[in-house]
Amino acid sequence: MNKLIFKFVLIGFLGVSSWAFADSANDEELCAQLKDAKTEMEDTLLQIKQRKQNDSAFLKALNNSQKQWMQYVDAELLMQFPSQQFIDYGSVLPMCQCVTRLGLVQERIVTLKQWLEPVVEGDVCTGSKR
């Protein structure tokens, strides 16, 4: 009987540890994607700044916009995961935070790339995108 209990405990332990390892691998992969997306966003910002280097008003507005956007991301994460206690969300919290951040960074990249794309002829509302 003791051998049977030992086998169940061992199988359970191995199952949990392999699940935890897979969960950790997902965390690392998603957070690596987030890092890549942040790099793309920074590269996009740099390209915009180079194109608009002589427009100080725009650059000031861009820097302010990016600062405000970063605060928005932090606020969104706090709204989605308001508890400061890790136990409330479990071991998936880091992965979930990376997923949320990744989505927001990807949205920001799409927004920023509008300043690198050609303006549609006749669009009178392009503002600083020209």
C-alpha atoms as a PDB file:
ATOM      1  CA  MET A   1       0.000   0.000   0.000  1.00  0.00           C
ATOM      2  CA  ASN A   2       2.823   2.412   0.873  1.00  0.00           C
ATOM      3  CA  LYS A   3       4.481   1.690  -2.480  1.00  0.00           C
ATOM      4  CA  LEU A   4       1.252   2.501  -4.282  1.00  0.00           C
ATOM      5  CA  ILE A   5       0.870   5.811  -2.431  1.00  0.00           C
ATOM      6  CA  PHE A   6       4.508   6.623  -3.155  1.00  0.00           C
ATOM      7  CA  LYS A   7       3.933   5.989  -6.882  1.00  0.00           C
ATOM      8  CA  PHE A   8       0.901   8.295  -6.952  1.00  0.00           C
ATOM      9  CA  VAL A   9       2.782  11.012  -5.120  1.00  0.00           C
ATOM     10  CA  LEU A  10       5.774  10.656  -7.443  1.00  0.00           C
ATOM     11  CA  ILE A  11       3.596  10.718 -10.586  1.00  0.00           C
ATOM     12  CA  GLY A  12       1.736  13.742  -9.237  1.00  0.00           C
ATOM     13  CA  PHE A  13       4.985  15.534  -8.459  1.00  0.00           C
ATOM     14  CA  LEU A  14       6.432  14.828 -11.895  1.00  0.00           C
ATOM     15  CA  GLY A  15       3.225  15.958 -13.578  1.00  0.00           C
ATOM     16  CA  VAL A  16       3.152  19.226 -11.624  1.00  0.00           C
ATOM     17  CA  SER A  17       6.827  19.960 -12.177  1.00  0.00           C
ATOM     18  CA  SER A  18       6.585  19.359 -15.935  1.00  0.00           C
ATOM     19  CA  TRP A  19       3.492  21.577 -16.090  1.00  0.00           C
ATOM     20  CA  ALA A  20       5.340  24.259 -14.133  1.00  0.00           C
ATOM     21  CA  PHE A  21       8.289  23.968 -16.527  1.00  0.00           C
ATOM     22  CA  ALA A  22       5.975  24.340 -19.546  1.00  0.00           C
ATOM     23  CA  ASP A  23       4.322  27.323 -17.868  1.00  0.00           C
ATOM     24  CA  SER A  24       7.740  28.871 -17.273  1.00  0.00           C
ATOM     25  CA  ALA A  25       8.696  28.296 -20.915  1.00  0.00           C
ATOM     26  CA  ASN A  26       5.495  30.083 -22.030  1.00  0.00           C
ATOM     27  CA  ASP A  27       6.350  32.996 -19.736  1.00  0.00           C
ATOM     28  CA  GLU A  28       9.813  33.259 -21.243  1.00  0.00           C
ATOM     29  CA  GLU A  29       8.539  33.030 -24.827  1.00  0.00           C
ATOM     30  CA  LEU A  30       5.834  35.646 -24.338  1.00  0.00           C
ATOM     31  CA  CYS A  31       8.152  37.971 -22.489  1.00  0.00           C
ATOM     32  CA  ALA A  32      10.743  37.516 -25.250  1.00  0.00           C
ATOM     33  CA  GLN A  33       8.069  38.537 -27.767  1.00  0.00           C
ATOM     34  CA  LEU A  34       7.348  41.561 -25.585  1.00  0.00           C
ATOM     35  CA  LYS A  35      11.028  42.482 -25.581  1.00  0.00           C
ATOM     36  CA  ASP A  36      11.133  42.206 -29.383  1.00  0.00           C
ATOM     37  CA  ALA A  37       7.997  44.345 -29.694  1.00  0.00           C
ATOM     38  CA  LYS A  38       9.475  46.992 -27.396  1.00  0.00           C
ATOM     39  CA  THR A  39      12.606  47.040 -29.551  1.00  0.00           C
ATOM     40  CA  GLU A  40      10.453  47.509 -32.661  1.00  0.00           C
ATOM     41  CA  MET A  41       8.574  50.336 -30.946  1.00  0.00           C
ATOM     42  CA  GLU A  42      11.828  52.060 -29.955  1.00  0.00           C
ATOM     43  CA  ASP A  43      13.156  51.679 -33.509  1.00  0.00           C
ATOM     44  CA  THR A  44       9.931  53.167 -34.866  1.00  0.00           C
ATOM     45  CA  LEU A  45      10.182  56.098 -32.453  1.00  0.00           C
ATOM     46  CA  LEU A  46      13.787  56.676 -33.530  1.00  0.00           C
ATOM     47  CA  GLN A  47      12.824  56.701 -37.214  1.00  0.00           C
ATOM     48  CA  ILE A  48      10.047  59.203 -36.532  1.00  0.00           C
ATOM     49  CA  LYS A  49      12.404  61.424 -34.540  1.00  0.00           C
ATOM     50  CA  GLN A  50      14.956  61.344 -37.342  1.00  0.00           C
ATOM     51  CA  ARG A  51      12.335  62.340 -39.914  1.00  0.00           C
ATOM     52  CA  LYS A  52      10.991  65.117 -37.724  1.00  0.00           C
ATOM     53  CA  GLN A  53      14.302  66.265 -36.243  1.00  0.00           C
ATOM     54  CA  ASN A  54      13.711  69.872 -37.268  1.00  0.00           C
ATOM     55  CA  ASP A  55      10.201  70.063 -35.791  1.00  0.00           C
ATOM     56  CA  SER A  56      10.770  70.804 -32.108  1.00  0.00           C
ATOM     57  CA  ALA A  57       7.067  71.252 -31.341  1.00  0.00           C
ATOM     58  CA  PHE A  58       6.317  67.809 -32.779  1.00  0.00           C
ATOM     59  CA  LEU A  59       9.223  66.177 -30.942  1.00  0.00           C
ATOM     60  CA  LYS A  60       8.061  67.659 -27.657  1.00  0.00           C
ATOM     61  CA  ALA A  61       4.532  66.393 -28.324  1.00  0.00           C
ATOM     62  CA  LEU A  62       5.851  62.946 -29.311  1.00  0.00           C
ATOM     63  CA  ASN A  63       7.934  62.644 -26.144  1.00  0.00           C
ATOM     64  CA  ASN A  64       4.964  63.730 -24.040  1.00  0.00           C
ATOM     65  CA  SER A  65       2.699  61.277 -25.853  1.00  0.00           C
ATOM     66  CA  GLN A  66       5.119  58.405 -25.239  1.00  0.00           C
ATOM     67  CA  LYS A  67       5.416  59.300 -21.559  1.00  0.00           C
ATOM     68  CA  GLN A  68       1.637  59.419 -21.219  1.00  0.00           C
ATOM     69  CA  TRP A  69       1.292  56.145 -23.103  1.00  0.00           C
ATOM     70  CA  MET A  70       3.695  54.418 -20.703  1.00  0.00           C
ATOM     71  CA  GLN A  71       1.587  55.645 -17.780  1.00  0.00           C
ATOM     72  CA  TYR A  72      -1.509  54.350 -19.576  1.00  0.00           C
ATOM     73  CA  VAL A  73       0.049  50.876 -19.901  1.00  0.00           C
ATOM     74  CA  ASP A  74       0.852  50.821 -16.182  1.00  0.00           C
ATOM     75  CA  ALA A  75      -2.701  51.935 -15.365  1.00  0.00           C
ATOM     76  CA  GLU A  76      -4.193  49.255 -17.621  1.00  0.00           C
ATOM     77  CA  LEU A  77      -2.133  46.559 -15.915  1.00  0.00           C
ATOM     78  CA  LEU A  78      -3.124  47.831 -12.497  1.00  0.00           C
ATOM     79  CA  MET A  79      -6.772  47.841 -13.533  1.00  0.00           C
ATOM     80  CA  GLN A  80      -6.555  44.289 -14.889  1.00  0.00           C
ATOM     81  CA  PHE A  81      -4.546  42.966 -11.935  1.00  0.00           C
ATOM     82  CA  PRO A  82      -5.366  45.341  -9.050  1.00  0.00           C
ATOM     83  CA  SER A  83      -4.261  43.103  -6.225  1.00  0.00           C
ATOM     84  CA  GLN A  84      -0.668  43.489  -5.170  1.00  0.00           C
ATOM     85  CA  GLN A  85      -0.677  39.923  -3.828  1.00  0.00           C
ATOM     86  CA  PHE A  86       0.767  37.348  -6.202  1.00  0.00           C
ATOM     87  CA  ILE A  87      -1.408  34.610  -4.691  1.00  0.00           C
ATOM     88  CA  ASP A  88      -4.568  36.225  -6.084  1.00  0.00           C
ATOM     89  CA  TYR A  89      -3.574  35.399  -9.678  1.00  0.00           C
ATOM     90  CA  GLY A  90      -1.253  32.448  -9.289  1.00  0.00           C
ATOM     91  CA  SER A  91       1.775  31.441 -11.265  1.00  0.00           C
ATOM     92  CA  VAL A  92       0.292  32.646 -14.571  1.00  0.00           C
ATOM     93  CA  LEU A  93       0.486  36.298 -13.498  1.00  0.00           C
ATOM     94  CA  PRO A  94       3.831  37.059 -15.200  1.00  0.00           C
ATOM     95  CA  MET A  95       2.599  35.455 -18.427  1.00  0.00           C
ATOM     96  CA  CYS A  96      -0.696  37.366 -18.272  1.00  0.00           C
ATOM     97  CA  GLN A  97       1.122  40.641 -17.668  1.00  0.00           C
ATOM     98  CA  CYS A  98       3.360  39.983 -20.673  1.00  0.00           C
ATOM     99  CA  VAL A  99       0.321  39.184 -22.834  1.00  0.00           C
ATOM    100  CA  THR A 100      -1.374  42.420 -21.802  1.00  0.00           C
ATOM    101  CA  ARG A 101       1.762  44.520 -22.312  1.00  0.00           C
ATOM    102  CA  LEU A 102       2.476  42.829 -25.655  1.00  0.00           C
ATOM    103  CA  GLY A 103      -0.972  43.701 -26.982  1.00  0.00           C
ATOM    104  CA  LEU A 104      -0.650  47.320 -25.905  1.00  0.00           C
ATOM    105  CA  VAL A 105       2.857  47.666 -27.384  1.00  0.00           C
ATOM    106  CA  GLN A 106       1.683  46.177 -30.684  1.00  0.00           C
ATOM    107  CA  GLU A 107      -1.188  48.682 -30.785  1.00  0.00           C
ATOM    108  CA  ARG A 108       1.261  51.510 -30.104  1.00  0.00           C
ATOM    109  CA  ILE A 109       3.516  50.381 -32.951  1.00  0.00           C
ATOM    110  CA  VAL A 110       0.570  50.508 -35.367  1.00  0.00           C
ATOM    111  CA  THR A 111      -0.248  54.025 -34.158  1.00  0.00           C
ATOM    112  CA  LEU A 112       3.346  55.260 -34.434  1.00  0.00           C
ATOM    113  CA  LYS A 113       3.933  53.777 -37.887  1.00  0.00           C
ATOM    114  CA  GLN A 114       1.317  56.179 -39.250  1.00  0.00           C
ATOM    115  CA  TRP A 115       4.061  58.843 -39.130  1.00  0.00           C
ATOM    116  CA  LEU A 116       6.268  56.710 -41.365  1.00  0.00           C
ATOM    117  CA  GLU A 117       3.687  55.824 -44.012  1.00  0.00           C
ATOM    118  CA  PRO A 118       2.833  57.955 -47.026  1.00  0.00           C
ATOM    119  CA  VAL A 119      -0.094  60.295 -46.545  1.00  0.00           C
ATOM    120  CA  VAL A 120      -3.216  59.576 -48.582  1.00  0.00           C
ATOM    121  CA  GLU A 121      -3.758  62.226 -51.243  1.00  0.00           C
ATOM    122  CA  GLY A 122      -6.653  64.481 -50.298  1.00  0.00           C
ATOM    123  CA  ASP A 123      -6.735  63.550 -46.583  1.00  0.00           C
ATOM    124  CA  VAL A 124      -6.998  66.959 -44.964  1.00  0.00           C
ATOM    125  CA  CYS A 125      -6.703  65.639 -41.390  1.00  0.00           C
ATOM    126  CA  THR A 126      -3.174  64.255 -41.502  1.00  0.00           C
ATOM    127  CA  GLY A 127      -1.752  66.954 -39.255  1.00  0.00           C
ATOM    128  CA  SER A 128       1.869  66.213 -38.417  1.00  0.00           C
ATOM    129  CA  LYS A 129       1.898  62.937 -40.356  1.00  0.00           C
ATOM    130  CA  ARG A 130       2.967  64.814 -43.502  1.00  0.00           C
END
